[in-house]
Amino acid sequence: QVQLVESGGGLVQPGGSLRLSCVASQSIATINIMGWYRQAPGKQRELVATITPGGSRNYADSVKGRFTISRDNAKNTLALQMNSLKPEDTAVYYCKADFLWLSYWGQGTQVTVSS
């Protein structure tokens, strides 16, 4: 079983930046695809970005050019650098890991973009 703990959320003004981190309970070198998802109030959870063990990245169109996903095997950490934040980026952000045909989720971290 993989445990994931997110951190780094908070309140930021439009145009600002935040960096989210997700620490795994085991070596992420053994984990397949990892990703960030988000869920805004009243909306379904949606994909933000994913990254494969080989470093291939996939982004939602709404965050391309603003967000960067990365994984650090040495620190068992998945990160999401978010720049040029917009009010519509407000949501709870979740870390996800695919391992041995199962998917594991973190508890989420709130990101609020507001002036």
Protein backbone atom coordinates (compact mmCIF):
# COMPACT_ATOMS: atom_id res chain seq x y z
CA GLN A 1 0.00 0.00 0.00
CA VAL A 2 1.24 3.47 -0.90
CA GLN A 3 0.57 6.42 1.36
CA LEU A 4 0.72 9.91 -0.10
CA VAL A 5 0.88 13.18 1.81
CA GLU A 6 0.42 16.50 0.00
CA SER A 7 1.53 19.90 1.22
CA GLY A 8 2.12 23.40 -0.09
CA GLY A 9 -1.40 24.65 -0.65
CA GLY A 10 -2.65 27.99 0.54
CA LEU A 11 -4.09 31.36 -0.40
CA VAL A 12 -2.40 33.28 -3.20
CA GLN A 13 -3.28 36.32 -5.27
CA PRO A 14 -3.97 36.04 -9.01
CA GLY A 15 -0.70 35.92 -10.90
CA GLY A 16 1.12 34.39 -7.96
CA SER A 17 2.87 31.06 -7.58
CA LEU A 18 2.69 28.00 -5.35
CA ARG A 19 4.62 24.75 -5.23
CA LEU A 20 2.81 21.60 -4.16
CA SER A 21 4.65 18.54 -2.88
CA CYS A 22 3.54 14.95 -2.44
CA VAL A 23 5.68 12.61 -0.37
CA ALA A 24 5.24 8.86 -0.83
CA SER A 25 5.67 6.20 1.86
CA GLN A 26 7.88 4.12 -0.43
CA SER A 27 10.36 4.56 -3.22
CA ILE A 28 8.60 6.21 -6.15
CA ALA A 29 11.10 4.58 -8.48
CA THR A 30 8.82 1.52 -8.23
CA ILE A 31 5.66 3.51 -8.94
CA ASN A 32 4.26 3.81 -12.43
CA ILE A 33 2.41 6.97 -13.46
CA MET A 34 2.05 9.71 -10.86
CA GLY A 35 -0.12 12.74 -11.23
CA TRP A 36 -1.94 15.73 -9.83
CA TYR A 37 -5.70 16.11 -10.00
CA ARG A 38 -7.98 18.81 -8.68
CA GLN A 39 -11.59 19.20 -7.67
CA ALA A 40 -13.36 22.52 -7.42
CA PRO A 41 -16.62 22.92 -5.44
CA GLY A 42 -19.54 21.46 -7.34
CA LYS A 43 -17.31 20.01 -10.07
CA GLN A 44 -15.86 16.63 -10.88
CA ARG A 45 -12.26 15.79 -10.15
CA GLU A 46 -10.09 16.53 -13.18
CA LEU A 47 -6.61 15.73 -14.34
CA VAL A 48 -4.04 18.50 -13.98
CA ALA A 49 -0.80 16.77 -14.97
CA THR A 50 0.84 13.34 -15.03
CA ILE A 51 4.40 12.08 -15.29
CA THR A 52 5.76 8.63 -16.17
CA PRO A 53 8.80 6.97 -14.60
CA GLY A 54 10.74 7.98 -17.69
CA GLY A 55 9.78 11.62 -17.29
CA SER A 56 7.12 11.98 -19.99
CA ARG A 57 4.67 14.68 -18.99
CA ASN A 58 1.05 15.32 -19.83
CA TYR A 59 -0.88 18.50 -18.95
CA ALA A 60 -4.45 19.65 -19.07
CA ASP A 61 -4.87 22.36 -21.69
CA SER A 62 -5.95 24.82 -19.00
CA VAL A 63 -2.56 24.65 -17.22
CA LYS A 64 -0.12 24.21 -20.10
CA GLY A 65 2.68 26.75 -19.97
CA ARG A 66 1.87 27.67 -16.36
CA PHE A 67 2.29 24.45 -14.36
CA THR A 68 5.24 22.05 -14.26
CA ILE A 69 5.13 18.53 -12.82
CA SER A 70 8.27 16.78 -11.63
CA ARG A 71 9.28 13.72 -9.66
CA ASP A 72 12.37 13.23 -7.50
CA ASN A 73 13.08 9.56 -6.94
CA ALA A 74 15.80 10.29 -4.37
CA LYS A 75 13.31 12.17 -2.18
CA ASN A 76 10.25 10.03 -3.00
CA THR A 77 8.52 13.26 -3.93
CA LEU A 78 6.18 14.43 -6.65
CA ALA A 79 5.95 18.19 -7.14
CA LEU A 80 3.75 20.66 -9.01
CA GLN A 81 5.08 24.15 -9.64
CA MET A 82 2.16 26.47 -10.35
CA ASN A 83 2.82 29.90 -11.83
CA SER A 84 0.53 32.65 -13.11
CA LEU A 85 -2.28 31.33 -10.98
CA LYS A 86 -5.86 32.27 -11.83
CA PRO A 87 -9.03 32.27 -9.72
CA GLU A 88 -10.26 29.30 -11.74
CA ASP A 89 -7.33 27.27 -10.42
CA THR A 90 -8.99 27.30 -7.00
CA ALA A 91 -9.58 23.70 -5.93
CA VAL A 92 -8.45 20.88 -3.71
CA TYR A 93 -5.38 19.33 -5.33
CA TYR A 94 -4.78 15.60 -5.00
CA CYS A 95 -1.71 13.48 -5.65
CA LYS A 96 -2.25 10.08 -7.32
CA ALA A 97 0.06 7.12 -7.75
CA ASP A 98 -0.48 3.99 -9.87
CA PHE A 99 1.23 0.97 -8.34
CA LEU A 100 0.66 -2.71 -9.06
CA TRP A 101 -2.65 -2.19 -10.86
CA LEU A 102 -4.05 -0.06 -8.05
CA SER A 103 -4.42 3.69 -7.69
CA TYR A 104 -3.63 5.53 -4.48
CA TRP A 105 -4.68 9.05 -3.53
CA GLY A 106 -3.49 11.58 -1.02
CA GLN A 107 -5.83 13.52 1.26
CA GLY A 108 -5.62 16.70 -0.81
CA THR A 109 -4.40 20.22 -0.24
CA GLN A 110 -6.49 23.36 -0.74
CA VAL A 111 -5.37 26.00 -3.22
CA THR A 112 -7.27 29.28 -3.23
CA VAL A 113 -6.52 32.01 -5.75
CA SER A 114 -8.17 35.25 -4.76
CA SER A 115 -7.45 38.93 -4.31
